[in-house]
Amino acid sequence: MFIGWMGPNGLKTHYLLRAEIDTRAGALALTGNEEANLLFIQKVKRETKHLHLFMALQDQYERVTPDMVHKTGSQILFGGPRDVNFWSICIRKGLVKPERWRVLETSIHKEKEKEDIIHKDPFLKDNSGLPLSVRHNGRQFPVGDSTRFCAGDEVAYIILIEHAEKVHKYLRAMGWQQITSDGNKAFTVSQCPLPSGMG
């Protein structure tokens, strides 16, 4: 199990201990403030050893670069920089739907469909969706920028509803198969805001 970013309190050792960070498989820093995300990851790294670290990096990074993230031993969540605030709004407004896909092949193989595909990008960096997690050999992890998808992997996404048809065509052309057409039965997408004075 991973522990997520806990707001301003997440930078205090006391709160990391209360969250039992030493028993977790890793930590996620997922806010729209990439500097705070970086501070949280650095703090967790100082307090613990051998954790999987992931942090969100804004789409147009200015103060925090991918190199700075990687120097902490962290991966960039979702496979690359994303606008966390945009996705948060889309989730709140119900503009996304959860989906699961199975990797059947790891390369695009149909010549005709190759022409329709601009990027060979399972991370959907065109902002039509977000890859959340990958299940590989029975173990599930967040998707980071060093994630490599293999045949048999299951990938959980949230997809912008308005781009769903395009995403489906794209992933199928890559040799992937949707696991269920009713993603809401597979998992849900929700937010749980915590009061700032909590703790």
Protein backbone atom coordinates (compact mmCIF):
# COMPACT_ATOMS: atom_id res chain seq x y z
CA MET A 1 0.00 0.00 0.00
CA PHE A 2 1.13 3.51 -0.80
CA ILE A 3 0.70 6.63 1.26
CA GLY A 4 -0.29 9.85 -0.49
CA TRP A 5 0.66 13.47 0.06
CA MET A 6 -1.02 14.74 3.22
CA GLY A 7 -0.93 18.49 2.65
CA PRO A 8 1.24 20.83 4.74
CA ASN A 9 1.32 18.33 7.62
CA GLY A 10 2.99 15.77 5.36
CA LEU A 11 6.30 17.58 5.82
CA LYS A 12 6.32 16.94 9.58
CA THR A 13 7.98 13.76 10.81
CA HIS A 14 5.23 13.26 13.39
CA TYR A 15 2.57 12.93 10.67
CA LEU A 16 4.69 10.59 8.57
CA LEU A 17 5.07 8.34 11.61
CA ARG A 18 1.32 8.46 12.27
CA ALA A 19 0.77 7.39 8.67
CA GLU A 20 3.12 4.44 9.38
CA ILE A 21 5.32 5.39 6.44
CA ASP A 22 7.81 2.68 7.43
CA THR A 23 5.18 0.00 6.66
CA ARG A 24 4.24 1.37 3.23
CA ALA A 25 5.44 0.22 -0.18
CA GLY A 26 5.86 3.79 -1.34
CA ALA A 27 4.72 7.39 -1.32
CA LEU A 28 2.85 9.61 -3.77
CA ALA A 29 3.07 13.39 -3.90
CA LEU A 30 0.00 14.48 -5.83
CA THR A 31 -0.84 18.17 -5.60
CA GLY A 32 -0.86 21.02 -8.08
CA ASN A 33 2.14 22.51 -6.22
CA GLU A 34 5.18 20.76 -7.65
CA GLU A 35 7.57 22.46 -5.21
CA ALA A 36 5.57 21.09 -2.26
CA ASN A 37 5.50 17.69 -3.99
CA LEU A 38 9.29 17.73 -4.28
CA LEU A 39 9.72 18.73 -0.61
CA PHE A 40 7.43 15.87 0.45
CA ILE A 41 9.35 13.30 -1.62
CA GLN A 42 12.68 14.57 -0.25
CA LYS A 43 11.31 14.35 3.30
CA VAL A 44 10.03 10.80 2.81
CA LYS A 45 13.36 9.76 1.30
CA ARG A 46 15.23 11.12 4.34
CA GLU A 47 12.89 9.38 6.78
CA THR A 48 12.71 5.97 5.09
CA LYS A 49 14.65 3.67 2.81
CA HIS A 50 13.72 1.50 -0.17
CA LEU A 51 10.32 3.02 -0.92
CA HIS A 52 8.83 3.46 -4.38
CA LEU A 53 8.46 7.22 -4.83
CA PHE A 54 6.18 9.00 -7.30
CA MET A 55 5.36 12.68 -7.67
CA ALA A 56 3.15 14.75 -9.93
CA LEU A 57 4.91 17.31 -12.08
CA GLN A 58 2.90 20.12 -13.64
CA ASP A 59 2.37 20.17 -17.38
CA GLN A 60 4.36 23.38 -17.83
CA TYR A 61 7.08 22.89 -15.25
CA GLU A 62 9.16 25.97 -14.49
CA ARG A 63 10.68 25.60 -11.04
CA VAL A 64 10.90 21.79 -10.77
CA THR A 65 12.36 19.83 -13.67
CA PRO A 66 12.27 16.11 -14.47
CA ASP A 67 15.99 15.90 -13.60
CA MET A 68 15.29 17.28 -10.12
CA VAL A 69 12.56 14.69 -9.62
CA HIS A 70 14.76 11.82 -10.77
CA LYS A 71 17.64 12.91 -8.50
CA THR A 72 15.39 12.18 -5.50
CA GLY A 73 14.91 8.63 -6.75
CA SER A 74 11.29 9.42 -7.63
CA GLN A 75 9.41 8.77 -10.82
CA ILE A 76 7.09 11.27 -12.47
CA LEU A 77 3.54 10.10 -11.84
CA PHE A 78 1.27 9.32 -14.82
CA GLY A 79 4.26 8.79 -17.12
CA GLY A 80 5.10 12.47 -17.47
CA PRO A 81 4.12 16.02 -16.52
CA ARG A 82 0.36 16.63 -16.19
CA ASP A 83 -1.90 19.45 -15.07
CA VAL A 84 -3.13 18.04 -11.75
CA ASN A 85 -5.59 20.89 -11.19
CA PHE A 86 -7.20 20.30 -14.61
CA TRP A 87 -7.67 16.59 -13.87
CA SER A 88 -8.99 17.32 -10.39
CA ILE A 89 -11.68 19.57 -11.88
CA CYS A 90 -12.55 16.98 -14.53
CA ILE A 91 -13.01 14.32 -11.84
CA ARG A 92 -15.19 16.60 -9.69
CA LYS A 93 -17.37 17.53 -12.69
CA GLY A 94 -17.81 13.91 -13.80
CA LEU A 95 -16.05 14.47 -17.13
CA VAL A 96 -13.99 11.29 -16.87
CA LYS A 97 -14.66 7.58 -16.75
CA PRO A 98 -12.48 4.81 -15.35
CA GLU A 99 -11.33 2.04 -17.68
CA ARG A 100 -9.04 -0.98 -17.53
CA TRP A 101 -7.01 -2.24 -20.48
CA ARG A 102 -4.92 -5.36 -21.01
CA VAL A 103 -1.70 -5.23 -22.97
CA LEU A 104 -1.89 -8.00 -25.57
CA GLU A 105 1.01 -6.77 -27.67
CA THR A 106 3.66 -4.16 -26.99
CA SER A 107 3.99 -2.73 -30.48
CA ILE A 108 1.66 -1.39 -33.13
CA HIS A 109 1.20 -4.00 -35.81
CA LYS A 110 -1.55 -2.94 -38.22
CA GLU A 111 -0.16 -0.90 -41.13
CA LYS A 112 -3.40 0.89 -41.95
CA GLU A 113 -3.98 2.00 -38.37
CA LYS A 114 -0.38 3.15 -38.04
CA GLU A 115 -1.20 6.04 -40.35
CA ASP A 116 -3.94 7.30 -38.00
CA ILE A 117 -1.67 7.30 -34.95
CA ILE A 118 0.53 10.29 -34.35
CA HIS A 119 2.26 9.05 -31.17
CA LYS A 120 2.98 5.55 -29.93
CA ASP A 121 2.17 6.62 -26.43
CA PRO A 122 0.30 4.42 -23.93
CA PHE A 123 0.73 7.25 -21.38
CA LEU A 124 -1.78 9.35 -23.41
CA LYS A 125 0.34 12.48 -23.14
CA ASP A 126 -2.10 14.22 -25.49
CA ASN A 127 -4.18 14.68 -22.29
CA SER A 128 -7.05 12.46 -23.42
CA GLY A 129 -6.53 10.25 -20.37
CA LEU A 130 -4.37 9.49 -17.36
CA PRO A 131 -2.72 6.11 -16.72
CA LEU A 132 -3.14 5.51 -12.98
CA SER A 133 -1.75 2.07 -12.23
CA VAL A 134 -0.38 -1.08 -13.81
CA ARG A 135 -0.86 -4.65 -12.59
CA HIS A 136 2.15 -6.79 -13.52
CA ASN A 137 2.61 -10.39 -12.38
CA GLY A 138 -0.09 -9.96 -9.72
CA ARG A 139 1.41 -6.77 -8.24
CA GLN A 140 -0.05 -3.31 -8.75
CA PHE A 141 1.95 -0.08 -8.93
CA PRO A 142 1.32 3.54 -9.89
CA VAL A 143 2.35 4.41 -13.44
CA GLY A 144 5.58 6.40 -13.52
CA ASP A 145 7.76 7.72 -16.31
CA SER A 146 10.01 4.65 -16.20
CA THR A 147 7.06 2.21 -16.43
CA ARG A 148 7.35 -0.23 -19.32
CA PHE A 149 4.22 -2.11 -20.26
CA CYS A 150 4.50 -5.83 -21.05
CA ALA A 151 2.09 -8.31 -22.60
CA GLY A 152 -0.41 -9.42 -19.96
CA ASP A 153 -0.22 -6.21 -17.91
CA GLU A 154 -3.47 -4.53 -16.86
CA VAL A 155 -3.50 -0.74 -16.94
CA ALA A 156 -6.10 1.41 -15.14
CA TYR A 157 -6.91 4.77 -16.72
CA ILE A 158 -9.25 7.67 -16.28
CA ILE A 159 -10.36 8.81 -19.72
CA LEU A 160 -11.95 12.11 -20.70
CA ILE A 161 -15.42 11.08 -21.86
CA GLU A 162 -15.29 13.42 -24.86
CA HIS A 163 -12.13 11.64 -26.11
CA ALA A 164 -13.14 8.07 -25.25
CA GLU A 165 -13.73 6.93 -28.83
CA LYS A 166 -10.34 8.27 -29.95
CA VAL A 167 -8.58 6.62 -26.98
CA HIS A 168 -10.29 3.28 -27.65
CA LYS A 169 -9.22 3.30 -31.28
CA TYR A 170 -5.70 4.27 -30.32
CA LEU A 171 -5.19 1.63 -27.62
CA ARG A 172 -6.74 -1.12 -29.76
CA ALA A 173 -4.40 -0.21 -32.61
CA MET A 174 -1.51 -0.71 -30.21
CA GLY A 175 -2.71 -4.27 -29.61
CA TRP A 176 -4.48 -3.60 -26.29
CA GLN A 177 -7.90 -4.87 -25.21
CA GLN A 178 -10.43 -3.20 -22.95
CA ILE A 179 -11.07 -5.49 -19.98
CA THR A 180 -14.61 -4.29 -19.31
CA SER A 181 -16.83 -1.83 -21.09
CA ASP A 182 -18.37 -0.84 -17.74
CA GLY A 183 -15.37 0.59 -15.91
CA ASN A 184 -17.52 1.77 -13.00
CA LYS A 185 -17.86 -1.84 -11.87
CA ALA A 186 -14.10 -2.33 -11.95
CA PHE A 187 -13.09 0.64 -9.80
CA THR A 188 -14.26 4.13 -8.93
CA VAL A 189 -12.79 7.61 -9.11
CA SER A 190 -13.39 9.90 -6.15
CA GLN A 191 -11.73 12.59 -4.09
CA CYS A 192 -11.62 12.87 -0.34
CA PRO A 193 -10.53 16.38 0.68
CA LEU A 194 -9.09 16.59 4.18
CA PRO A 195 -9.63 19.63 6.41
CA SER A 196 -6.44 21.70 6.64
CA GLY A 197 -6.48 21.61 10.45
CA MET A 198 -6.78 17.83 10.64
CA GLY A 199 -4.34 16.00 12.84
